[in-house]
mmCIF file of all heavy atoms, coordinates in Angstrom:
data_MODEL
# 
_entry.id   MODEL 
# 
loop_
_atom_site.group_PDB 
_atom_site.id 
_atom_site.type_symbol 
_atom_site.label_atom_id 
_atom_site.label_alt_id 
_atom_site.label_comp_id 
_atom_site.label_asym_id 
_atom_site.label_entity_id 
_atom_site.label_seq_id 
_atom_site.pdbx_PDB_ins_code 
_atom_site.Cartn_x 
_atom_site.Cartn_y 
_atom_site.Cartn_z 
_atom_site.occupancy 
_atom_site.B_iso_or_equiv 
_atom_site.pdbx_formal_charge 
_atom_site.auth_seq_id 
_atom_site.auth_comp_id 
_atom_site.auth_asym_id 
_atom_site.auth_atom_id 
_atom_site.pdbx_PDB_model_num 
ATOM 1   N N   . LEU A 1 1  ? 8.422   -0.704 12.302  1.00 0.00 ? 1  LEU A N   1 
ATOM 2   C CA  . LEU A 1 1  ? 9.170   -1.491 11.332  1.00 0.00 ? 1  LEU A CA  1 
ATOM 3   C C   . LEU A 1 1  ? 8.459   -1.494 9.983   1.00 0.00 ? 1  LEU A C   1 
ATOM 4   O O   . LEU A 1 1  ? 9.092   -1.361 8.937   1.00 0.00 ? 1  LEU A O   1 
ATOM 5   C CB  . LEU A 1 1  ? 9.322   -2.933 11.825  1.00 0.00 ? 1  LEU A CB  1 
ATOM 6   C CG  . LEU A 1 1  ? 10.452  -3.232 12.810  1.00 0.00 ? 1  LEU A CG  1 
ATOM 7   C CD1 . LEU A 1 1  ? 10.373  -4.691 13.235  1.00 0.00 ? 1  LEU A CD1 1 
ATOM 8   C CD2 . LEU A 1 1  ? 11.804  -2.929 12.196  1.00 0.00 ? 1  LEU A CD2 1 
ATOM 9   N N   . LYS A 1 2  ? 7.151   -1.665 9.994   1.00 0.00 ? 2  LYS A N   1 
ATOM 10  C CA  . LYS A 1 2  ? 6.397   -1.696 8.744   1.00 0.00 ? 2  LYS A CA  1 
ATOM 11  C C   . LYS A 1 2  ? 6.503   -0.384 8.002   1.00 0.00 ? 2  LYS A C   1 
ATOM 12  O O   . LYS A 1 2  ? 6.509   -0.347 6.766   1.00 0.00 ? 2  LYS A O   1 
ATOM 13  C CB  . LYS A 1 2  ? 4.920   -2.015 9.021   1.00 0.00 ? 2  LYS A CB  1 
ATOM 14  C CG  . LYS A 1 2  ? 4.680   -3.449 9.453   1.00 0.00 ? 2  LYS A CG  1 
ATOM 15  C CD  . LYS A 1 2  ? 3.206   -3.808 9.403   1.00 0.00 ? 2  LYS A CD  1 
ATOM 16  C CE  . LYS A 1 2  ? 2.422   -3.074 10.466  1.00 0.00 ? 2  LYS A CE  1 
ATOM 17  N NZ  . LYS A 1 2  ? 1.008   -3.462 10.497  1.00 0.00 ? 2  LYS A NZ  1 
ATOM 18  N N   . ALA A 1 3  ? 6.602   0.721  8.738   1.00 0.00 ? 3  ALA A N   1 
ATOM 19  C CA  . ALA A 1 3  ? 6.654   2.037  8.113   1.00 0.00 ? 3  ALA A CA  1 
ATOM 20  C C   . ALA A 1 3  ? 8.060   2.424  7.680   1.00 0.00 ? 3  ALA A C   1 
ATOM 21  O O   . ALA A 1 3  ? 8.245   3.456  7.038   1.00 0.00 ? 3  ALA A O   1 
ATOM 22  C CB  . ALA A 1 3  ? 6.121   3.086  9.083   1.00 0.00 ? 3  ALA A CB  1 
ATOM 23  N N   . ALA A 1 4  ? 9.053   1.591  8.016   1.00 0.00 ? 4  ALA A N   1 
ATOM 24  C CA  . ALA A 1 4  ? 10.446  1.956  7.757   1.00 0.00 ? 4  ALA A CA  1 
ATOM 25  C C   . ALA A 1 4  ? 11.023  1.265  6.534   1.00 0.00 ? 4  ALA A C   1 
ATOM 26  O O   . ALA A 1 4  ? 12.225  1.164  6.393   1.00 0.00 ? 4  ALA A O   1 
ATOM 27  C CB  . ALA A 1 4  ? 11.297  1.621  8.984   1.00 0.00 ? 4  ALA A CB  1 
ATOM 28  N N   . GLY A 1 5  ? 10.160  0.791  5.650   1.00 0.00 ? 5  GLY A N   1 
ATOM 29  C CA  . GLY A 1 5  ? 10.645  0.076  4.469   1.00 0.00 ? 5  GLY A CA  1 
ATOM 30  C C   . GLY A 1 5  ? 11.562  0.905  3.605   1.00 0.00 ? 5  GLY A C   1 
ATOM 31  O O   . GLY A 1 5  ? 12.523  0.422  3.034   1.00 0.00 ? 5  GLY A O   1 
ATOM 32  N N   . GLY A 1 6  ? 11.268  2.209  3.510   1.00 0.00 ? 6  GLY A N   1 
ATOM 33  C CA  . GLY A 1 6  ? 12.152  3.106  2.786   1.00 0.00 ? 6  GLY A CA  1 
ATOM 34  C C   . GLY A 1 6  ? 12.380  2.680  1.353   1.00 0.00 ? 6  GLY A C   1 
ATOM 35  O O   . GLY A 1 6  ? 11.437  2.587  0.566   1.00 0.00 ? 6  GLY A O   1 
ATOM 36  N N   . PRO A 1 7  ? 13.638  2.403  0.998   1.00 0.00 ? 7  PRO A N   1 
ATOM 37  C CA  . PRO A 1 7  ? 13.968  2.105  -0.396  1.00 0.00 ? 7  PRO A CA  1 
ATOM 38  C C   . PRO A 1 7  ? 13.159  0.970  -1.014  1.00 0.00 ? 7  PRO A C   1 
ATOM 39  O O   . PRO A 1 7  ? 12.858  1.011  -2.210  1.00 0.00 ? 7  PRO A O   1 
ATOM 40  C CB  . PRO A 1 7  ? 15.455  1.739  -0.318  1.00 0.00 ? 7  PRO A CB  1 
ATOM 41  C CG  . PRO A 1 7  ? 15.959  2.493  0.865   1.00 0.00 ? 7  PRO A CG  1 
ATOM 42  C CD  . PRO A 1 7  ? 14.834  2.488  1.853   1.00 0.00 ? 7  PRO A CD  1 
ATOM 43  N N   . THR A 1 8  ? 12.796  -0.047 -0.247  1.00 0.00 ? 8  THR A N   1 
ATOM 44  C CA  . THR A 1 8  ? 12.066  -1.156 -0.849  1.00 0.00 ? 8  THR A CA  1 
ATOM 45  C C   . THR A 1 8  ? 10.649  -0.760 -1.259  1.00 0.00 ? 8  THR A C   1 
ATOM 46  O O   . THR A 1 8  ? 9.980   -1.513 -1.970  1.00 0.00 ? 8  THR A O   1 
ATOM 47  C CB  . THR A 1 8  ? 12.004  -2.369 0.097   1.00 0.00 ? 8  THR A CB  1 
ATOM 48  O OG1 . THR A 1 8  ? 11.366  -1.989 1.317   1.00 0.00 ? 8  THR A OG1 1 
ATOM 49  C CG2 . THR A 1 8  ? 13.396  -2.893 0.388   1.00 0.00 ? 8  THR A CG2 1 
ATOM 50  N N   . ASP A 1 9  ? 10.198  0.401  -0.815  1.00 0.00 ? 9  ASP A N   1 
ATOM 51  C CA  . ASP A 1 9  ? 8.866   0.889  -1.206  1.00 0.00 ? 9  ASP A CA  1 
ATOM 52  C C   . ASP A 1 9  ? 8.924   1.930  -2.325  1.00 0.00 ? 9  ASP A C   1 
ATOM 53  O O   . ASP A 1 9  ? 7.896   2.488  -2.709  1.00 0.00 ? 9  ASP A O   1 
ATOM 54  C CB  . ASP A 1 9  ? 8.152   1.504  0.003   1.00 0.00 ? 9  ASP A CB  1 
ATOM 55  C CG  . ASP A 1 9  ? 7.722   0.462  1.009   1.00 0.00 ? 9  ASP A CG  1 
ATOM 56  O OD1 . ASP A 1 9  ? 7.427   -0.675 0.600   1.00 0.00 ? 9  ASP A OD1 1 
ATOM 57  O OD2 . ASP A 1 9  ? 7.695   0.774  2.211   1.00 0.00 ? 9  ASP A OD2 1 
ATOM 58  N N   . ARG A 1 10 ? 10.109  2.181  -2.847  1.00 0.00 ? 10 ARG A N   1 
ATOM 59  C CA  . ARG A 1 10 ? 10.248  3.224  -3.861  1.00 0.00 ? 10 ARG A CA  1 
ATOM 60  C C   . ARG A 1 10 ? 9.693   2.765  -5.212  1.00 0.00 ? 10 ARG A C   1 
ATOM 61  O O   . ARG A 1 10 ? 9.482   1.569  -5.458  1.00 0.00 ? 10 ARG A O   1 
ATOM 62  C CB  . ARG A 1 10 ? 11.718  3.607  -4.019  1.00 0.00 ? 10 ARG A CB  1 
ATOM 63  C CG  . ARG A 1 10 ? 12.591  2.559  -4.694  1.00 0.00 ? 10 ARG A CG  1 
ATOM 64  C CD  . ARG A 1 10 ? 14.057  2.847  -4.496  1.00 0.00 ? 10 ARG A CD  1 
ATOM 65  N NE  . ARG A 1 10 ? 14.921  1.939  -5.248  1.00 0.00 ? 10 ARG A NE  1 
ATOM 66  C CZ  . ARG A 1 10 ? 16.219  1.788  -5.031  1.00 0.00 ? 10 ARG A CZ  1 
ATOM 67  N NH1 . ARG A 1 10 ? 16.822  2.487  -4.066  1.00 0.00 ? 10 ARG A NH1 1 
ATOM 68  N NH2 . ARG A 1 10 ? 16.927  0.947  -5.771  1.00 0.00 ? 10 ARG A NH2 1 
ATOM 69  N N   . GLY A 1 11 ? 9.427   3.744  -6.070  1.00 0.00 ? 11 GLY A N   1 
ATOM 70  C CA  . GLY A 1 11 ? 9.130   3.440  -7.462  1.00 0.00 ? 11 GLY A CA  1 
ATOM 71  C C   . GLY A 1 11 ? 7.716   3.025  -7.772  1.00 0.00 ? 11 GLY A C   1 
ATOM 72  O O   . GLY A 1 11 ? 7.436   2.560  -8.878  1.00 0.00 ? 11 GLY A O   1 
ATOM 73  N N   . ARG A 1 12 ? 6.788   3.155  -6.827  1.00 0.00 ? 12 ARG A N   1 
ATOM 74  C CA  . ARG A 1 12 ? 5.408   2.791  -7.149  1.00 0.00 ? 12 ARG A CA  1 
ATOM 75  C C   . ARG A 1 12 ? 4.437   3.869  -6.683  1.00 0.00 ? 12 ARG A C   1 
ATOM 76  O O   . ARG A 1 12 ? 4.774   4.725  -5.858  1.00 0.00 ? 12 ARG A O   1 
ATOM 77  C CB  . ARG A 1 12 ? 5.011   1.439  -6.556  1.00 0.00 ? 12 ARG A CB  1 
ATOM 78  C CG  . ARG A 1 12 ? 5.050   1.366  -5.041  1.00 0.00 ? 12 ARG A CG  1 
ATOM 79  C CD  . ARG A 1 12 ? 6.326   0.836  -4.524  1.00 0.00 ? 12 ARG A CD  1 
ATOM 80  N NE  . ARG A 1 12 ? 6.323   -0.599 -4.328  1.00 0.00 ? 12 ARG A NE  1 
ATOM 81  C CZ  . ARG A 1 12 ? 7.426   -1.301 -4.076  1.00 0.00 ? 12 ARG A CZ  1 
ATOM 82  N NH1 . ARG A 1 12 ? 8.590   -0.695 -4.006  1.00 0.00 ? 12 ARG A NH1 1 
ATOM 83  N NH2 . ARG A 1 12 ? 7.373   -2.599 -3.867  1.00 0.00 ? 12 ARG A NH2 1 
ATOM 84  N N   . ARG A 1 13 ? 3.217   3.772  -7.230  1.00 0.00 ? 13 ARG A N   1 
ATOM 85  C CA  . ARG A 1 13 ? 2.112   4.628  -6.793  1.00 0.00 ? 13 ARG A CA  1 
ATOM 86  C C   . ARG A 1 13 ? 1.196   3.810  -5.895  1.00 0.00 ? 13 ARG A C   1 
ATOM 87  O O   . ARG A 1 13 ? 1.173   2.595  -5.981  1.00 0.00 ? 13 ARG A O   1 
ATOM 88  C CB  . ARG A 1 13 ? 1.345   5.164  -8.000  1.00 0.00 ? 13 ARG A CB  1 
ATOM 89  C CG  . ARG A 1 13 ? 2.186   6.056  -8.907  1.00 0.00 ? 13 ARG A CG  1 
ATOM 90  C CD  . ARG A 1 13 ? 1.402   6.504  -10.131 1.00 0.00 ? 13 ARG A CD  1 
ATOM 91  N NE  . ARG A 1 13 ? 1.098   5.382  -11.019 1.00 0.00 ? 13 ARG A NE  1 
ATOM 92  C CZ  . ARG A 1 13 ? 0.073   5.358  -11.873 1.00 0.00 ? 13 ARG A CZ  1 
ATOM 93  N NH1 . ARG A 1 13 ? -0.779  6.373  -11.915 1.00 0.00 ? 13 ARG A NH1 1 
ATOM 94  N NH2 . ARG A 1 13 ? -0.119  4.315  -12.669 1.00 0.00 ? 13 ARG A NH2 1 
ATOM 95  N N   . SER A 1 14 ? 0.464   4.501  -5.023  1.00 0.00 ? 14 SER A N   1 
ATOM 96  C CA  . SER A 1 14 ? -0.384  3.811  -4.056  1.00 0.00 ? 14 SER A CA  1 
ATOM 97  C C   . SER A 1 14 ? -1.843  4.191  -4.228  1.00 0.00 ? 14 SER A C   1 
ATOM 98  O O   . SER A 1 14 ? -2.187  5.369  -4.365  1.00 0.00 ? 14 SER A O   1 
ATOM 99  C CB  . SER A 1 14 ? 0.059   4.149  -2.628  1.00 0.00 ? 14 SER A CB  1 
ATOM 100 O OG  . SER A 1 14 ? -0.910  3.707  -1.679  1.00 0.00 ? 14 SER A OG  1 
ATOM 101 N N   . ILE A 1 15 ? -2.693  3.156  -4.196  1.00 0.00 ? 15 ILE A N   1 
ATOM 102 C CA  . ILE A 1 15 ? -4.132  3.345  -4.126  1.00 0.00 ? 15 ILE A CA  1 
ATOM 103 C C   . ILE A 1 15 ? -4.624  2.603  -2.891  1.00 0.00 ? 15 ILE A C   1 
ATOM 104 O O   . ILE A 1 15 ? -4.231  1.462  -2.641  1.00 0.00 ? 15 ILE A O   1 
ATOM 105 C CB  . ILE A 1 15 ? -4.842  2.832  -5.406  1.00 0.00 ? 15 ILE A CB  1 
ATOM 106 C CG1 . ILE A 1 15 ? -6.366  3.015  -5.291  1.00 0.00 ? 15 ILE A CG1 1 
ATOM 107 C CG2 . ILE A 1 15 ? -4.486  1.383  -5.709  1.00 0.00 ? 15 ILE A CG2 1 
ATOM 108 C CD1 . ILE A 1 15 ? -7.105  2.708  -6.596  1.00 0.00 ? 15 ILE A CD1 1 
ATOM 109 N N   . ALA A 1 16 ? -5.451  3.272  -2.071  1.00 0.00 ? 16 ALA A N   1 
ATOM 110 C CA  . ALA A 1 16 ? -5.983  2.667  -0.856  1.00 0.00 ? 16 ALA A CA  1 
ATOM 111 C C   . ALA A 1 16 ? -7.383  2.136  -1.129  1.00 0.00 ? 16 ALA A C   1 
ATOM 112 O O   . ALA A 1 16 ? -8.261  2.884  -1.573  1.00 0.00 ? 16 ALA A O   1 
ATOM 113 C CB  . ALA A 1 16 ? -6.018  3.684  0.280   1.00 0.00 ? 16 ALA A CB  1 
ATOM 114 N N   . ILE A 1 17 ? -7.581  0.841  -0.871  1.00 0.00 ? 17 ILE A N   1 
ATOM 115 C CA  . ILE A 1 17 ? -8.853  0.192  -1.177  1.00 0.00 ? 17 ILE A CA  1 
ATOM 116 C C   . ILE A 1 17 ? -9.281  -0.661 0.013   1.00 0.00 ? 17 ILE A C   1 
ATOM 117 O O   . ILE A 1 17 ? -8.458  -1.340 0.642   1.00 0.00 ? 17 ILE A O   1 
ATOM 118 C CB  . ILE A 1 17 ? -8.739  -0.696 -2.439  1.00 0.00 ? 17 ILE A CB  1 
ATOM 119 C CG1 . ILE A 1 17 ? -8.316  0.147  -3.658  1.00 0.00 ? 17 ILE A CG1 1 
ATOM 120 C CG2 . ILE A 1 17 ? -10.047 -1.418 -2.720  1.00 0.00 ? 17 ILE A CG2 1 
ATOM 121 C CD1 . ILE A 1 17 ? -8.153  -0.659 -4.935  1.00 0.00 ? 17 ILE A CD1 1 
ATOM 122 N N   . ASP A 1 18 ? -10.561 -0.654 0.306   1.00 0.00 ? 18 ASP A N   1 
ATOM 123 C CA  . ASP A 1 18 ? -11.132 -1.514 1.340   1.00 0.00 ? 18 ASP A CA  1 
ATOM 124 C C   . ASP A 1 18 ? -11.345 -2.895 0.729   1.00 0.00 ? 18 ASP A C   1 
ATOM 125 O O   . ASP A 1 18 ? -12.307 -3.124 -0.010  1.00 0.00 ? 18 ASP A O   1 
ATOM 126 C CB  . ASP A 1 18 ? -12.448 -0.938 1.842   1.00 0.00 ? 18 ASP A CB  1 
ATOM 127 C CG  . ASP A 1 18 ? -13.079 -1.779 2.947   1.00 0.00 ? 18 ASP A CG  1 
ATOM 128 O OD1 . ASP A 1 18 ? -12.480 -2.815 3.328   1.00 0.00 ? 18 ASP A OD1 1 
ATOM 129 O OD2 . ASP A 1 18 ? -14.165 -1.410 3.419   1.00 0.00 ? 18 ASP A OD2 1 
ATOM 130 N N   . LEU A 1 19 ? -10.444 -3.824 1.033   1.00 0.00 ? 19 LEU A N   1 
ATOM 131 C CA  . LEU A 1 19 ? -10.516 -5.153 0.437   1.00 0.00 ? 19 LEU A CA  1 
ATOM 132 C C   . LEU A 1 19 ? -11.553 -6.053 1.128   1.00 0.00 ? 19 LEU A C   1 
ATOM 133 O O   . LEU A 1 19 ? -11.749 -7.189 0.703   1.00 0.00 ? 19 LEU A O   1 
ATOM 134 C CB  . LEU A 1 19 ? -9.137  -5.816 0.467   1.00 0.00 ? 19 LEU A CB  1 
ATOM 135 C CG  . LEU A 1 19 ? -8.046  -5.110 -0.353  1.00 0.00 ? 19 LEU A CG  1 
ATOM 136 C CD1 . LEU A 1 19 ? -6.743  -5.898 -0.289  1.00 0.00 ? 19 LEU A CD1 1 
ATOM 137 C CD2 . LEU A 1 19 ? -8.483  -4.923 -1.795  1.00 0.00 ? 19 LEU A CD2 1 
ATOM 138 N N   . LYS A 1 20 ? -12.211 -5.542 2.166   1.00 0.00 ? 20 LYS A N   1 
ATOM 139 C CA  . LYS A 1 20 ? -13.307 -6.292 2.782   1.00 0.00 ? 20 LYS A CA  1 
ATOM 140 C C   . LYS A 1 20 ? -14.650 -5.948 2.145   1.00 0.00 ? 20 LYS A C   1 
ATOM 141 O O   . LYS A 1 20 ? -15.656 -6.587 2.447   1.00 0.00 ? 20 LYS A O   1 
ATOM 142 C CB  . LYS A 1 20 ? -13.351 -6.017 4.286   1.00 0.00 ? 20 LYS A CB  1 
ATOM 143 C CG  . LYS A 1 20 ? -12.134 -6.545 5.031   1.00 0.00 ? 20 LYS A CG  1 
ATOM 144 C CD  . LYS A 1 20 ? -12.257 -6.301 6.533   1.00 0.00 ? 20 LYS A CD  1 
ATOM 145 C CE  . LYS A 1 20 ? -11.046 -6.862 7.273   1.00 0.00 ? 20 LYS A CE  1 
ATOM 146 N NZ  . LYS A 1 20 ? -11.137 -6.634 8.744   1.00 0.00 ? 20 LYS A NZ  1 
ATOM 147 N N   . ASN A 1 21 ? -14.635 -4.959 1.284   1.00 0.00 ? 21 ASN A N   1 
ATOM 148 C CA  . ASN A 1 21 ? -15.847 -4.522 0.592   1.00 0.00 ? 21 ASN A CA  1 
ATOM 149 C C   . ASN A 1 21 ? -15.872 -5.146 -0.802  1.00 0.00 ? 21 ASN A C   1 
ATOM 150 O O   . ASN A 1 21 ? -14.891 -5.036 -1.540  1.00 0.00 ? 21 ASN A O   1 
ATOM 151 C CB  . ASN A 1 21 ? -15.850 -2.992 0.494   1.00 0.00 ? 21 ASN A CB  1 
ATOM 152 C CG  . ASN A 1 21 ? -17.151 -2.435 -0.035  1.00 0.00 ? 21 ASN A CG  1 
ATOM 153 O OD1 . ASN A 1 21 ? -17.666 -2.888 -1.054  1.00 0.00 ? 21 ASN A OD1 1 
ATOM 154 N ND2 . ASN A 1 21 ? -17.692 -1.434 0.653   1.00 0.00 ? 21 ASN A ND2 1 
ATOM 155 N N   . PRO A 1 22 ? -16.959 -5.817 -1.195  1.00 0.00 ? 22 PRO A N   1 
ATOM 156 C CA  . PRO A 1 22 ? -17.016 -6.422 -2.531  1.00 0.00 ? 22 PRO A CA  1 
ATOM 157 C C   . PRO A 1 22 ? -16.724 -5.429 -3.651  1.00 0.00 ? 22 PRO A C   1 
ATOM 158 O O   . PRO A 1 22 ? -16.104 -5.793 -4.658  1.00 0.00 ? 22 PRO A O   1 
ATOM 159 C CB  . PRO A 1 22 ? -18.445 -6.961 -2.609  1.00 0.00 ? 22 PRO A CB  1 
ATOM 160 C CG  . PRO A 1 22 ? -18.838 -7.195 -1.184  1.00 0.00 ? 22 PRO A CG  1 
ATOM 161 C CD  . PRO A 1 22 ? -18.165 -6.110 -0.402  1.00 0.00 ? 22 PRO A CD  1 
ATOM 162 N N   . ARG A 1 23 ? -17.140 -4.180 -3.483  1.00 0.00 ? 23 ARG A N   1 
ATOM 163 C CA  . ARG A 1 23 ? -16.836 -3.194 -4.516  1.00 0.00 ? 23 ARG A CA  1 
ATOM 164 C C   . ARG A 1 23 ? -15.353 -2.863 -4.542  1.00 0.00 ? 23 ARG A C   1 
ATOM 165 O O   . ARG A 1 23 ? -14.809 -2.511 -5.594  1.00 0.00 ? 23 ARG A O   1 
ATOM 166 C CB  . ARG A 1 23 ? -17.663 -1.917 -4.302  1.00 0.00 ? 23 ARG A CB  1 
ATOM 167 C CG  . ARG A 1 23 ? -19.123 -2.064 -4.702  1.00 0.00 ? 23 ARG A CG  1 
ATOM 168 C CD  . ARG A 1 23 ? -19.805 -0.714 -4.800  1.00 0.00 ? 23 ARG A CD  1 
ATOM 169 N NE  . ARG A 1 23 ? -19.240 0.141  -5.815  1.00 0.00 ? 23 ARG A NE  1 
ATOM 170 C CZ  . ARG A 1 23 ? -19.577 1.421  -6.000  1.00 0.00 ? 23 ARG A CZ  1 
ATOM 171 N NH1 . ARG A 1 23 ? -20.474 1.977  -5.186  1.00 0.00 ? 23 ARG A NH1 1 
ATOM 172 N NH2 . ARG A 1 23 ? -19.032 2.138  -6.963  1.00 0.00 ? 23 ARG A NH2 1 
ATOM 173 N N   . GLY A 1 24 ? -14.705 -2.997 -3.390  1.00 0.00 ? 24 GLY A N   1 
ATOM 174 C CA  . GLY A 1 24 ? -13.258 -2.825 -3.372  1.00 0.00 ? 24 GLY A CA  1 
ATOM 175 C C   . GLY A 1 24 ? -12.562 -3.903 -4.186  1.00 0.00 ? 24 GLY A C   1 
ATOM 176 O O   . GLY A 1 24 ? -11.632 -3.626 -4.950  1.00 0.00 ? 24 GLY A O   1 
# 
């Protein structure tokens, strides 16, 4: 279900960040 967002995920760019890391 999380991967099936489809249209609602359109129009943006993605950056992957480790939010548990202070440098993240």
